[in-house]
Amino acid sequence: AKNVMKQAKIDFENGEYRWVAQVLKNVVMADPNNTEAKNLLAD
């Protein structure tokens, strides 16, 4: 998850929102208690 979050933050800053949403769904489904992932997915 840490590695996914690192890449997702970069892609979010680059405006690749559709891909970030796809990727972070997997992180949240794997661990619904990952607050950092849920907040970035919400953003």
Full PDB file with SEQRES, HELIX, SHEET, SSBOND, CRYST1, ORIGX, SCALE, CONECT and MASTER records, all heavy atoms in Angstrom:
SEQRES   1 A   43  ALA LYS ASN VAL MET LYS GLN ALA LYS ILE ASP PHE GLU          
SEQRES   2 A   43  ASN GLY GLU TYR ARG TRP VAL ALA GLN VAL LEU LYS ASN          
SEQRES   3 A   43  VAL VAL MET ALA ASP PRO ASN ASN THR GLU ALA LYS ASN          
SEQRES   4 A   43  LEU LEU ALA ASP                                              
HELIX    1 AA1 LYS A    2  GLU A   13  1                                  12    
HELIX    2 AA2 TYR A   17  ALA A   30  1                                  14    
HELIX    3 AA3 THR A   35  ALA A   42  1                                   8    
CRYST1    1.000    1.000    1.000  90.00  90.00  90.00 P 1           1          
ORIGX1      1.000000  0.000000  0.000000        0.00000                         
ORIGX2      0.000000  1.000000  0.000000        0.00000                         
ORIGX3      0.000000  0.000000  1.000000        0.00000                         
SCALE1      1.000000  0.000000  0.000000        0.00000                         
SCALE2      0.000000  1.000000  0.000000        0.00000                         
SCALE3      0.000000  0.000000  1.000000        0.00000                         
ATOM      1  N   ALA A   1       0.815  -1.217   0.000  1.00  0.00           N  
ATOM      2  CA  ALA A   1       0.000   0.000   0.000  1.00  0.00           C  
ATOM      3  C   ALA A   1       0.846   1.264   0.000  1.00  0.00           C  
ATOM      4  O   ALA A   1       0.505   2.258  -0.654  1.00  0.00           O  
ATOM      5  CB  ALA A   1      -0.934  -0.009   1.208  1.00  0.00           C  
ATOM      6  N   LYS A   2       1.964   1.275   0.724  1.00  0.00           N  
ATOM      7  CA  LYS A   2       2.798   2.479   0.768  1.00  0.00           C  
ATOM      8  C   LYS A   2       3.331   2.827  -0.612  1.00  0.00           C  
ATOM      9  O   LYS A   2       3.361   4.006  -1.001  1.00  0.00           O  
ATOM     10  CB  LYS A   2       3.941   2.282   1.752  1.00  0.00           C  
ATOM     11  CG  LYS A   2       3.511   2.302   3.217  1.00  0.00           C  
ATOM     12  CD  LYS A   2       4.703   2.211   4.145  1.00  0.00           C  
ATOM     13  CE  LYS A   2       4.264   2.281   5.604  1.00  0.00           C  
ATOM     14  NZ  LYS A   2       5.421   2.195   6.543  1.00  0.00           N  
ATOM     15  N   ASN A   3       3.729   1.821  -1.343  1.00  0.00           N  
ATOM     16  CA  ASN A   3       4.247   2.062  -2.692  1.00  0.00           C  
ATOM     17  C   ASN A   3       3.141   2.547  -3.623  1.00  0.00           C  
ATOM     18  O   ASN A   3       3.353   3.455  -4.439  1.00  0.00           O  
ATOM     19  CB  ASN A   3       4.881   0.793  -3.251  1.00  0.00           C  
ATOM     20  CG  ASN A   3       5.674   1.056  -4.521  1.00  0.00           C  
ATOM     21  OD1 ASN A   3       6.548   1.920  -4.547  1.00  0.00           O  
ATOM     22  ND2 ASN A   3       5.359   0.335  -5.580  1.00  0.00           N  
ATOM     23  N   VAL A   4       1.953   1.950  -3.485  1.00  0.00           N  
ATOM     24  CA  VAL A   4       0.821   2.401  -4.302  1.00  0.00           C  
ATOM     25  C   VAL A   4       0.496   3.855  -3.989  1.00  0.00           C  
ATOM     26  O   VAL A   4       0.272   4.673  -4.896  1.00  0.00           O  
ATOM     27  CB  VAL A   4      -0.415   1.512  -4.055  1.00  0.00           C  
ATOM     28  CG1 VAL A   4      -1.620   2.050  -4.838  1.00  0.00           C  
ATOM     29  CG2 VAL A   4      -0.149   0.075  -4.452  1.00  0.00           C  
ATOM     30  N   MET A   5       0.475   4.202  -2.705  1.00  0.00           N  
ATOM     31  CA  MET A   5       0.157   5.571  -2.316  1.00  0.00           C  
ATOM     32  C   MET A   5       1.182   6.560  -2.865  1.00  0.00           C  
ATOM     33  O   MET A   5       0.824   7.657  -3.312  1.00  0.00           O  
ATOM     34  CB  MET A   5       0.084   5.677  -0.791  1.00  0.00           C  
ATOM     35  CG  MET A   5      -1.140   5.026  -0.170  1.00  0.00           C  
ATOM     36  SD  MET A   5      -2.682   5.771  -0.742  1.00  0.00           S  
ATOM     37  CE  MET A   5      -2.461   7.459  -0.177  1.00  0.00           C  
ATOM     38  N   LYS A   6       2.433   6.176  -2.840  1.00  0.00           N  
ATOM     39  CA  LYS A   6       3.476   7.055  -3.368  1.00  0.00           C  
ATOM     40  C   LYS A   6       3.231   7.375  -4.840  1.00  0.00           C  
ATOM     41  O   LYS A   6       3.302   8.533  -5.271  1.00  0.00           O  
ATOM     42  CB  LYS A   6       4.845   6.394  -3.183  1.00  0.00           C  
ATOM     43  CG  LYS A   6       6.007   7.213  -3.714  1.00  0.00           C  
ATOM     44  CD  LYS A   6       7.327   6.473  -3.508  1.00  0.00           C  
ATOM     45  CE  LYS A   6       8.506   7.253  -4.099  1.00  0.00           C  
ATOM     46  NZ  LYS A   6       9.793   6.527  -3.917  1.00  0.00           N  
ATOM     47  N   GLN A   7       2.915   6.338  -5.624  1.00  0.00           N  
ATOM     48  CA  GLN A   7       2.664   6.536  -7.052  1.00  0.00           C  
ATOM     49  C   GLN A   7       1.353   7.292  -7.278  1.00  0.00           C  
ATOM     50  O   GLN A   7       1.259   8.156  -8.167  1.00  0.00           O  
ATOM     51  CB  GLN A   7       2.618   5.176  -7.764  1.00  0.00           C  
ATOM     52  CG  GLN A   7       3.910   4.383  -7.700  1.00  0.00           C  
ATOM     53  CD  GLN A   7       5.050   5.104  -8.405  1.00  0.00           C  
ATOM     54  OE1 GLN A   7       4.862   5.719  -9.449  1.00  0.00           O  
ATOM     55  NE2 GLN A   7       6.238   5.050  -7.821  1.00  0.00           N  
ATOM     56  N   ALA A   8       0.353   6.981  -6.452  1.00  0.00           N  
ATOM     57  CA  ALA A   8      -0.958   7.609  -6.621  1.00  0.00           C  
ATOM     58  C   ALA A   8      -0.899   9.111  -6.354  1.00  0.00           C  
ATOM     59  O   ALA A   8      -1.556   9.904  -7.032  1.00  0.00           O  
ATOM     60  CB  ALA A   8      -1.976   6.943  -5.693  1.00  0.00           C  
ATOM     61  N   LYS A   9      -0.110   9.505  -5.382  1.00  0.00           N  
ATOM     62  CA  LYS A   9       0.025  10.933  -5.091  1.00  0.00           C  
ATOM     63  C   LYS A   9       0.659  11.680  -6.270  1.00  0.00           C  
ATOM     64  O   LYS A   9       0.250  12.800  -6.596  1.00  0.00           O  
ATOM     65  CB  LYS A   9       0.861  11.134  -3.832  1.00  0.00           C  
ATOM     66  CG  LYS A   9       0.143  10.717  -2.553  1.00  0.00           C  
ATOM     67  CD  LYS A   9       1.067  10.817  -1.336  1.00  0.00           C  
ATOM     68  CE  LYS A   9       0.370  10.359  -0.068  1.00  0.00           C  
ATOM     69  NZ  LYS A   9       1.262  10.376   1.114  1.00  0.00           N  
ATOM     70  N   ILE A  10       1.625  11.046  -6.896  1.00  0.00           N  
ATOM     71  CA  ILE A  10       2.263  11.664  -8.068  1.00  0.00           C  
ATOM     72  C   ILE A  10       1.251  11.815  -9.197  1.00  0.00           C  
ATOM     73  O   ILE A  10       1.139  12.882  -9.837  1.00  0.00           O  
ATOM     74  CB  ILE A  10       3.474  10.825  -8.526  1.00  0.00           C  
ATOM     75  CG1 ILE A  10       4.571  10.851  -7.457  1.00  0.00           C  
ATOM     76  CG2 ILE A  10       4.002  11.321  -9.875  1.00  0.00           C  
ATOM     77  CD1 ILE A  10       5.712   9.883  -7.725  1.00  0.00           C  
ATOM     78  N   ASP A  11       0.494  10.747  -9.446  1.00  0.00           N  
ATOM     79  CA  ASP A  11      -0.496  10.798 -10.523  1.00  0.00           C  
ATOM     80  C   ASP A  11      -1.616  11.778 -10.204  1.00  0.00           C  
ATOM     81  O   ASP A  11      -2.158  12.436 -11.112  1.00  0.00           O  
ATOM     82  CB  ASP A  11      -1.073   9.403 -10.776  1.00  0.00           C  
ATOM     83  CG  ASP A  11      -0.115   8.519 -11.575  1.00  0.00           C  
ATOM     84  OD1 ASP A  11       0.818   9.066 -12.185  1.00  0.00           O  
ATOM     85  OD2 ASP A  11      -0.307   7.282 -11.577  1.00  0.00           O  
ATOM     86  N   PHE A  12      -1.991  11.906  -8.933  1.00  0.00           N  
ATOM     87  CA  PHE A  12      -3.001  12.897  -8.556  1.00  0.00           C  
ATOM     88  C   PHE A  12      -2.500  14.298  -8.872  1.00  0.00           C  
ATOM     89  O   PHE A  12      -3.243  15.124  -9.436  1.00  0.00           O  
ATOM     90  CB  PHE A  12      -3.333  12.782  -7.066  1.00  0.00           C  
ATOM     91  CG  PHE A  12      -4.386  13.759  -6.606  1.00  0.00           C  
ATOM     92  CD1 PHE A  12      -5.729  13.438  -6.662  1.00  0.00           C  
ATOM     93  CD2 PHE A  12      -4.022  15.020  -6.120  1.00  0.00           C  
ATOM     94  CE1 PHE A  12      -6.695  14.354  -6.247  1.00  0.00           C  
ATOM     95  CE2 PHE A  12      -4.981  15.934  -5.700  1.00  0.00           C  
ATOM     96  CZ  PHE A  12      -6.329  15.596  -5.771  1.00  0.00           C  
ATOM     97  N   GLU A  13      -1.262  14.579  -8.524  1.00  0.00           N  
ATOM     98  CA  GLU A  13      -0.693  15.904  -8.808  1.00  0.00           C  
ATOM     99  C   GLU A  13      -0.589  16.162 -10.304  1.00  0.00           C  
ATOM    100  O   GLU A  13      -0.560  17.321 -10.725  1.00  0.00           O  
ATOM    101  CB  GLU A  13       0.689  16.027  -8.161  1.00  0.00           C  
ATOM    102  CG  GLU A  13       0.653  16.030  -6.634  1.00  0.00           C  
ATOM    103  CD  GLU A  13      -0.194  17.160  -6.078  1.00  0.00           C  
ATOM    104  OE1 GLU A  13      -0.167  18.272  -6.652  1.00  0.00           O  
ATOM    105  OE2 GLU A  13      -0.905  16.937  -5.072  1.00  0.00           O  
ATOM    106  N   ASN A  14      -0.576  15.095 -11.107  1.00  0.00           N  
ATOM    107  CA  ASN A  14      -0.529  15.226 -12.569  1.00  0.00           C  
ATOM    108  C   ASN A  14      -1.916  15.211 -13.200  1.00  0.00           C  
ATOM    109  O   ASN A  14      -2.042  15.197 -14.431  1.00  0.00           O  
ATOM    110  CB  ASN A  14       0.319  14.112 -13.177  1.00  0.00           C  
ATOM    111  CG  ASN A  14       1.799  14.298 -12.877  1.00  0.00           C  
ATOM    112  OD1 ASN A  14       2.279  15.426 -12.737  1.00  0.00           O  
ATOM    113  ND2 ASN A  14       2.527  13.194 -12.770  1.00  0.00           N  
ATOM    114  N   GLY A  15      -2.957  15.170 -12.366  1.00  0.00           N  
ATOM    115  CA  GLY A  15      -4.328  15.235 -12.876  1.00  0.00           C  
ATOM    116  C   GLY A  15      -4.853  13.945 -13.467  1.00  0.00           C  
ATOM    117  O   GLY A  15      -5.875  13.964 -14.171  1.00  0.00           O  
ATOM    118  N   GLU A  16      -4.221  12.818 -13.165  1.00  0.00           N  
ATOM    119  CA  GLU A  16      -4.666  11.531 -13.720  1.00  0.00           C  
ATOM    120  C   GLU A  16      -5.695  10.899 -12.781  1.00  0.00           C  
ATOM    121  O   GLU A  16      -5.497   9.821 -12.224  1.00  0.00           O  
ATOM    122  CB  GLU A  16      -3.467  10.611 -13.945  1.00  0.00           C  
ATOM    123  CG  GLU A  16      -2.484  11.157 -14.970  1.00  0.00           C  
ATOM    124  CD  GLU A  16      -1.341  10.191 -15.259  1.00  0.00           C  
ATOM    125  OE1 GLU A  16      -1.609   8.979 -15.404  1.00  0.00           O  
ATOM    126  OE2 GLU A  16      -0.191  10.661 -15.328  1.00  0.00           O  
ATOM    127  N   TYR A  17      -6.828  11.577 -12.637  1.00  0.00           N  
ATOM    128  CA  TYR A  17      -7.781  11.212 -11.600  1.00  0.00           C  
ATOM    129  C   TYR A  17      -8.476   9.880 -11.874  1.00  0.00           C  
ATOM    130  O   TYR A  17      -8.762   9.126 -10.933  1.00  0.00           O  
ATOM    131  CB  TYR A  17      -8.820  12.327 -11.438  1.00  0.00           C  
ATOM    132  CG  TYR A  17      -8.208  13.677 -11.139  1.00  0.00           C  
ATOM    133  CD1 TYR A  17      -8.521  14.796 -11.909  1.00  0.00           C  
ATOM    134  CD2 TYR A  17      -7.295  13.828 -10.086  1.00  0.00           C  
ATOM    135  CE1 TYR A  17      -7.952  16.035 -11.642  1.00  0.00           C  
ATOM    136  CE2 TYR A  17      -6.721  15.072  -9.813  1.00  0.00           C  
ATOM    137  CZ  TYR A  17      -7.054  16.163 -10.602  1.00  0.00           C  
ATOM    138  OH  TYR A  17      -6.485  17.372 -10.343  1.00  0.00           O  
ATOM    139  N   ARG A  18      -8.770   9.595 -13.114  1.00  0.00           N  
ATOM    140  CA  ARG A  18      -9.460   8.332 -13.414  1.00  0.00           C  
ATOM    141  C   ARG A  18      -8.587   7.141 -13.001  1.00  0.00           C  
ATOM    142  O   ARG A  18      -9.080   6.170 -12.409  1.00  0.00           O  
ATOM    143  CB  ARG A  18      -9.803   8.243 -14.900  1.00  0.00           C  
ATOM    144  CG  ARG A  18     -10.905   9.200 -15.343  1.00  0.00           C  
ATOM    145  CD  ARG A  18     -11.043   9.220 -16.847  1.00  0.00           C  
ATOM    146  NE  ARG A  18     -11.417   7.915 -17.382  1.00  0.00           N  
ATOM    147  CZ  ARG A  18     -11.273   7.572 -18.655  1.00  0.00           C  
ATOM    148  NH1 ARG A  18     -10.742   8.431 -19.531  1.00  0.00           N  
ATOM    149  NH2 ARG A  18     -11.662   6.378 -19.075  1.00  0.00           N  
ATOM    150  N   TRP A  19      -7.305   7.206 -13.299  1.00  0.00           N  
ATOM    151  CA  TRP A  19      -6.410   6.106 -12.958  1.00  0.00           C  
ATOM    152  C   TRP A  19      -6.195   6.022 -11.446  1.00  0.00           C  
ATOM    153  O   TRP A  19      -6.199   4.928 -10.874  1.00  0.00           O  
ATOM    154  CB  TRP A  19      -5.073   6.264 -13.677  1.00  0.00           C  
ATOM    155  CG  TRP A  19      -4.066   5.215 -13.280  1.00  0.00           C  
ATOM    156  CD1 TRP A  19      -2.865   5.404 -12.683  1.00  0.00           C  
ATOM    157  CD2 TRP A  19      -4.204   3.792 -13.437  1.00  0.00           C  
ATOM    158  NE1 TRP A  19      -2.234   4.214 -12.455  1.00  0.00           N  
ATOM    159  CE2 TRP A  19      -3.036   3.203 -12.908  1.00  0.00           C  
ATOM    160  CE3 TRP A  19      -5.202   2.973 -13.963  1.00  0.00           C  
ATOM    161  CZ2 TRP A  19      -2.829   1.823 -12.897  1.00  0.00           C  
ATOM    162  CZ3 TRP A  19      -5.002   1.594 -13.953  1.00  0.00           C  
ATOM    163  CH2 TRP A  19      -3.828   1.034 -13.424  1.00  0.00           C  
ATOM    164  N   VAL A  20      -6.059   7.164 -10.812  1.00  0.00           N  
ATOM    165  CA  VAL A  20      -5.876   7.162  -9.360  1.00  0.00           C  
ATOM    166  C   VAL A  20      -7.095   6.519  -8.683  1.00  0.00           C  
ATOM    167  O   VAL A  20      -6.960   5.733  -7.738  1.00  0.00           O  
ATOM    168  CB  VAL A  20      -5.649   8.591  -8.831  1.00  0.00           C  
ATOM    169  CG1 VAL A  20      -5.621   8.611  -7.302  1.00  0.00           C  
ATOM    170  CG2 VAL A  20      -4.342   9.160  -9.385  1.00  0.00           C  
ATOM    171  N   ALA A  21      -8.285   6.820  -9.182  1.00  0.00           N  
ATOM    172  CA  ALA A  21      -9.502   6.234  -8.620  1.00  0.00           C  
ATOM    173  C   ALA A  21      -9.504   4.719  -8.782  1.00  0.00           C  
ATOM    174  O   ALA A  21      -9.880   3.986  -7.853  1.00  0.00           O  
ATOM    175  CB  ALA A  21     -10.734   6.845  -9.286  1.00  0.00           C  
ATOM    176  N   GLN A  22      -9.094   4.240  -9.948  1.00  0.00           N  
ATOM    177  CA  GLN A  22      -9.048   2.796 -10.173  1.00  0.00           C  
ATOM    178  C   GLN A  22      -8.066   2.114  -9.220  1.00  0.00           C  
ATOM    179  O   GLN A  22      -8.377   1.084  -8.616  1.00  0.00           O  
ATOM    180  CB  GLN A  22      -8.615   2.508 -11.615  1.00  0.00           C  
ATOM    181  CG  GLN A  22      -9.722   2.591 -12.646  1.00  0.00           C  
ATOM    182  CD  GLN A  22      -9.209   2.220 -14.028  1.00  0.00           C  
ATOM    183  OE1 GLN A  22      -8.917   3.087 -14.836  1.00  0.00           O  
ATOM    184  NE2 GLN A  22      -9.094   0.940 -14.287  1.00  0.00           N  
ATOM    185  N   VAL A  23      -6.895   2.690  -9.097  1.00  0.00           N  
ATOM    186  CA  VAL A  23      -5.846   2.065  -8.290  1.00  0.00           C  
ATOM    187  C   VAL A  23      -6.201   2.091  -6.811  1.00  0.00           C  
ATOM    188  O   VAL A  23      -6.079   1.083  -6.102  1.00  0.00           O  
ATOM    189  CB  VAL A  23      -4.493   2.767  -8.539  1.00  0.00           C  
ATOM    190  CG1 VAL A  23      -3.455   2.286  -7.541  1.00  0.00           C  
ATOM    191  CG2 VAL A  23      -4.020   2.509  -9.965  1.00  0.00           C  
ATOM    192  N   LEU A  24      -6.663   3.251  -6.324  1.00  0.00           N  
ATOM    193  CA  LEU A  24      -6.931   3.369  -4.896  1.00  0.00           C  
ATOM    194  C   LEU A  24      -8.148   2.567  -4.453  1.00  0.00           C  
ATOM    195  O   LEU A  24      -8.258   2.203  -3.269  1.00  0.00           O  
ATOM    196  CB  LEU A  24      -7.094   4.838  -4.518  1.00  0.00           C  
ATOM    197  CG  LEU A  24      -5.812   5.675  -4.572  1.00  0.00           C  
ATOM    198  CD1 LEU A  24      -6.084   7.097  -4.120  1.00  0.00           C  
ATOM    199  CD2 LEU A  24      -4.717   5.058  -3.708  1.00  0.00           C  
ATOM    200  N   LYS A  25      -9.051   2.268  -5.366  1.00  0.00           N  
ATOM    201  CA  LYS A  25     -10.147   1.364  -5.017  1.00  0.00           C  
ATOM    202  C   LYS A  25      -9.580   0.043  -4.506  1.00  0.00           C  
ATOM    203  O   LYS A  25     -10.081  -0.523  -3.521  1.00  0.00           O  
ATOM    204  CB  LYS A  25     -11.065   1.130  -6.219  1.00  0.00           C  
ATOM    205  CG  LYS A  25     -12.169   0.115  -5.932  1.00  0.00           C  
ATOM    206  CD  LYS A  25     -12.978  -0.218  -7.177  1.00  0.00           C  
ATOM    207  CE  LYS A  25     -13.996  -1.315  -6.877  1.00  0.00           C  
ATOM    208  NZ  LYS A  25     -14.768  -1.712  -8.079  1.00  0.00           N  
ATOM    209  N   ASN A  26      -8.534  -0.448  -5.156  1.00  0.00           N  
ATOM    210  CA  ASN A  26      -7.927  -1.704  -4.730  1.00  0.00           C  
ATOM    211  C   ASN A  26      -7.322  -1.597  -3.332  1.00  0.00           C  
ATOM    212  O   ASN A  26      -7.440  -2.513  -2.514  1.00  0.00           O  
ATOM    213  CB  ASN A  26      -6.856  -2.126  -5.734  1.00  0.00           C  
ATOM    214  CG  ASN A  26      -7.443  -2.531  -7.067  1.00  0.00           C  
ATOM    215  OD1 ASN A  26      -8.245  -3.451  -7.146  1.00  0.00           O  
ATOM    216  ND2 ASN A  26      -7.045  -1.834  -8.120  1.00  0.00           N  
ATOM    217  N   VAL A  27      -6.693  -0.475  -3.049  1.00  0.00           N  
ATOM    218  CA  VAL A  27      -6.088  -0.293  -1.729  1.00  0.00           C  
ATOM    219  C   VAL A  27      -7.166  -0.278  -0.647  1.00  0.00           C  
ATOM    220  O   VAL A  27      -7.032  -0.913   0.401  1.00  0.00           O  
ATOM    221  CB  VAL A  27      -5.256   1.007  -1.683  1.00  0.00           C  
ATOM    222  CG1 VAL A  27      -4.650   1.203  -0.294  1.00  0.00           C  
ATOM    223  CG2 VAL A  27      -4.163   0.984  -2.745  1.00  0.00           C  
ATOM    224  N   VAL A  28      -8.254   0.447  -0.907  1.00  0.00           N  
ATOM    225  CA  VAL A  28      -9.326   0.559   0.083  1.00  0.00           C  
ATOM    226  C   VAL A  28     -10.056  -0.772   0.250  1.00  0.00           C  
ATOM    227  O   VAL A  28     -10.424  -1.149   1.368  1.00  0.00           O  
ATOM    228  CB  VAL A  28     -10.299   1.686  -0.310  1.00  0.00           C  
ATOM    229  CG1 VAL A  28     -11.519   1.701   0.612  1.00  0.00           C  
ATOM    230  CG2 VAL A  28      -9.596   3.045  -0.262  1.00  0.00           C  
ATOM    231  N   MET A  29     -10.273  -1.484  -0.846  1.00  0.00           N  
ATOM    232  CA  MET A  29     -10.920  -2.785  -0.725  1.00  0.00           C  
ATOM    233  C   MET A  29     -10.034  -3.782   0.026  1.00  0.00           C  
ATOM    234  O   MET A  29     -10.524  -4.646   0.757  1.00  0.00           O  
ATOM    235  CB  MET A  29     -11.287  -3.323  -2.110  1.00  0.00           C  
ATOM    236  CG  MET A  29     -12.449  -2.596  -2.762  1.00  0.00           C  
ATOM    237  SD  MET A  29     -13.969  -2.753  -1.774  1.00  0.00           S  
ATOM    238  CE  MET A  29     -14.967  -1.430  -2.461  1.00  0.00           C  
ATOM    239  N   ALA A  30      -8.736  -3.663  -0.156  1.00  0.00           N  
ATOM    240  CA  ALA A  30      -7.815  -4.543   0.568  1.00  0.00           C  
ATOM    241  C   ALA A  30      -7.729  -4.182   2.041  1.00  0.00           C  
ATOM    242  O   ALA A  30      -7.581  -5.056   2.898  1.00  0.00           O  
ATOM    243  CB  ALA A  30      -6.419  -4.471  -0.068  1.00  0.00           C  
ATOM    244  N   ASP A  31      -7.854  -2.890   2.348  1.00  0.00           N  
ATOM    245  CA  ASP A  31      -7.759  -2.437   3.740  1.00  0.00           C  
ATOM    246  C   ASP A  31      -8.645  -1.216   3.935  1.00  0.00           C  
ATOM    247  O   ASP A  31      -8.206  -0.075   3.752  1.00  0.00           O  
ATOM    248  CB  ASP A  31      -6.310  -2.099   4.086  1.00  0.00           C  
ATOM    249  CG  ASP A  31      -6.163  -1.606   5.522  1.00  0.00           C  
ATOM    250  OD1 ASP A  31      -7.143  -1.708   6.296  1.00  0.00           O  
ATOM    251  OD2 ASP A  31      -5.073  -1.103   5.873  1.00  0.00           O  
ATOM    252  N   PRO A  32      -9.909  -1.422   4.307  1.00  0.00           N  
ATOM    253  CA  PRO A  32     -10.826  -0.289   4.475  1.00  0.00           C  
ATOM    254  C   PRO A  32     -10.477   0.619   5.642  1.00  0.00           C  
ATOM    255  O   PRO A  32     -11.087   1.684   5.805  1.00  0.00           O  
ATOM    256  CB  PRO A  32     -12.179  -0.970   4.692  1.00  0.00           C  
ATOM    257  CG  PRO A  32     -11.847  -2.340   5.186  1.00  0.00           C  
ATOM    258  CD  PRO A  32     -10.560  -2.717   4.526  1.00  0.00           C  
ATOM    259  N   ASN A  33      -9.495   0.251   6.438  1.00  0.00           N  
ATOM    260  CA  ASN A  33      -9.058   1.102   7.546  1.00  0.00           C  
ATOM    261  C   ASN A  33      -7.875   1.996   7.167  1.00  0.00           C  
ATOM    262  O   ASN A  33      -7.351   2.709   8.016  1.00  0.00           O  
ATOM    263  CB  ASN A  33      -8.682   0.234   8.750  1.00  0.00           C  
ATOM    264  CG  ASN A  33      -9.880  -0.502   9.321  1.00  0.00           C  
ATOM    265  OD1 ASN A  33     -10.950   0.076   9.488  1.00  0.00           O  
ATOM    266  ND2 ASN A  33      -9.709  -1.786   9.597  1.00  0.00           N  
ATOM    267  N   ASN A  34      -7.468   1.958   5.908  1.00  0.00           N  
ATOM    268  CA  ASN A  34      -6.356   2.784   5.445  1.00  0.00           C  
ATOM    269  C   ASN A  34      -6.884   4.201   5.193  1.00  0.00           C  
ATOM    270  O   ASN A  34      -7.368   4.519   4.104  1.00  0.00           O  
ATOM    271  CB  ASN A  34      -5.748   2.190   4.172  1.00  0.00           C  
ATOM    272  CG  ASN A  34      -4.470   2.885   3.755  1.00  0.00           C  
ATOM    273  OD1 ASN A  34      -4.298   4.089   3.944  1.00  0.00           O  
ATOM    274  ND2 ASN A  34      -3.556   2.120   3.153  1.00  0.00           N  
ATOM    275  N   THR A  35      -6.808   5.030   6.210  1.00  0.00           N  
ATOM    276  CA  THR A  35      -7.382   6.372   6.139  1.00  0.00           C  
ATOM    277  C   THR A  35      -6.709   7.233   5.088  1.00  0.00           C  
ATOM    278  O   THR A  35      -7.367   8.017   4.389  1.00  0.00           O  
ATOM    279  CB  THR A  35      -7.280   7.062   7.514  1.00  0.00           C  
ATOM    280  OG1 THR A  35      -7.954   6.251   8.481  1.00  0.00           O  
ATOM    281  CG2 THR A  35      -7.899   8.451   7.485  1.00  0.00           C  
ATOM    282  N   GLU A  36      -5.413   7.103   4.953  1.00  0.00           N  
ATOM    283  CA  GLU A  36      -4.688   7.902   3.959  1.00  0.00           C  
ATOM    284  C   GLU A  36      -5.197   7.587   2.558  1.00  0.00           C  
ATOM    285  O   GLU A  36      -5.417   8.499   1.747  1.00  0.00           O  
ATOM    286  CB  GLU A  36      -3.182   7.620   4.050  1.00  0.00           C  
ATOM    287  CG  GLU A  36      -2.354   8.501   3.116  1.00  0.00           C  
ATOM    288  CD  GLU A  36      -0.870   8.179   3.150  1.00  0.00           C  
ATOM    289  OE1 GLU A  36      -0.521   7.047   3.578  1.00  0.00           O  
ATOM    290  OE2 GLU A  36      -0.062   9.042   2.743  1.00  0.00           O  
ATOM    291  N   ALA A  37      -5.395   6.301   2.262  1.00  0.00           N  
ATOM    292  CA  ALA A  37      -5.889   5.904   0.937  1.00  0.00           C  
ATOM    293  C   ALA A  37      -7.316   6.392   0.724  1.00  0.00           C  
ATOM    294  O   ALA A  37      -7.665   6.885  -0.356  1.00  0.00           O  
ATOM    295  CB  ALA A  37      -5.810   4.387   0.789  1.00  0.00           C  
ATOM    296  N   LYS A  38      -8.135   6.279   1.753  1.00  0.00           N  
ATOM    297  CA  LYS A  38      -9.528   6.725   1.610  1.00  0.00           C  
ATOM    298  C   LYS A  38      -9.605   8.228   1.386  1.00  0.00           C  
ATOM    299  O   LYS A  38     -10.406   8.707   0.567  1.00  0.00           O  
ATOM    300  CB  LYS A  38     -10.331   6.327   2.856  1.00  0.00           C  
ATOM    301  CG  LYS A  38     -10.598   4.833   2.948  1.00  0.00           C  
ATOM    302  CD  LYS A  38     -11.704   4.497   3.943  1.00  0.00           C  
ATOM    303  CE  LYS A  38     -11.322   4.818   5.361  1.00  0.00           C  
ATOM    304  NZ  LYS A  38     -12.385   4.390   6.312  1.00  0.00           N  
ATOM    305  N   ASN A  39      -8.780   8.981   2.066  1.00  0.00           N  
ATOM    306  CA  ASN A  39      -8.810  10.441   1.894  1.00  0.00           C  
ATOM    307  C   ASN A  39      -8.339  10.862   0.512  1.00  0.00           C  
ATOM    308  O   ASN A  39      -8.909  11.775  -0.093  1.00  0.00           O  
ATOM    309  CB  ASN A  39      -7.965  11.107   2.971  1.00  0.00           C  
ATOM    310  CG  ASN A  39      -8.641  11.087   4.332  1.00  0.00           C  
ATOM    311  OD1 ASN A  39      -9.863  10.948   4.427  1.00  0.00           O  
ATOM    312  ND2 ASN A  39      -7.860  11.224   5.399  1.00  0.00           N  
ATOM    313  N   LEU A  40      -7.283  10.206   0.008  1.00  0.00           N  
ATOM    314  CA  LEU A  40      -6.817  10.554  -1.331  1.00  0.00           C  
ATOM    315  C   LEU A  40      -7.835  10.120  -2.383  1.00  0.00           C  
ATOM    316  O   LEU A  40      -8.054  10.827  -3.377  1.00  0.00           O  
ATOM    317  CB  LEU A  40      -5.449   9.917  -1.611  1.00  0.00           C  
ATOM    318  CG  LEU A  40      -4.823  10.279  -2.966  1.00  0.00           C  
ATOM    319  CD1 LEU A  40      -4.702  11.791  -3.148  1.00  0.00           C  
ATOM    320  CD2 LEU A  40      -3.450   9.614  -3.124  1.00  0.00           C  
ATOM    321  N   LEU A  41      -8.473   8.972  -2.168  1.00  0.00           N  
ATOM    322  CA  LEU A  41      -9.521   8.545  -3.099  1.00  0.00           C  
ATOM    323  C   LEU A  41     -10.693   9.527  -3.063  1.00  0.00           C  
ATOM    324  O   LEU A  41     -11.269   9.866  -4.108  1.00  0.00           O  
ATOM    325  CB  LEU A  41      -9.990   7.129  -2.748  1.00  0.00           C  
ATOM    326  CG  LEU A  41     -11.054   6.510  -3.664  1.00  0.00           C  
ATOM    327  CD1 LEU A  41     -10.627   6.532  -5.127  1.00  0.00           C  
ATOM    328  CD2 LEU A  41     -11.371   5.085  -3.218  1.00  0.00           C  
ATOM    329  N   ALA A  42     -11.028  10.025  -1.886  1.00  0.00           N  
ATOM    330  CA  ALA A  42     -12.089  11.028  -1.764  1.00  0.00           C  
ATOM    331  C   ALA A  42     -11.717  12.310  -2.500  1.00  0.00           C  
ATOM    332  O   ALA A  42     -12.541  12.897  -3.217  1.00  0.00           O  
ATOM    333  CB  ALA A  42     -12.373  11.319  -0.294  1.00  0.00           C  
ATOM    334  N   ASP A  43     -10.476  12.762  -2.351  1.00  0.00           N  
ATOM    335  CA  ASP A  43     -10.018  13.956  -3.074  1.00  0.00           C  
ATOM    336  C   ASP A  43     -10.128  13.742  -4.582  1.00  0.00           C  
ATOM    337  O   ASP A  43     -10.473  14.665  -5.335  1.00  0.00           O  
ATOM    338  CB  ASP A  43      -8.567  14.267  -2.707  1.00  0.00           C  
ATOM    339  CG  ASP A  43      -8.393  14.681  -1.245  1.00  0.00           C  
ATOM    340  OD1 ASP A  43      -9.406  14.994  -0.587  1.00  0.00           O  
ATOM    341  OD2 ASP A  43      -7.233  14.669  -0.770  1.00  0.00           O  
TER     342      ASP A  43                                                      
MASTER        0    0    0    3    0    0    0    6  341    1    0    4          
END                                                                             
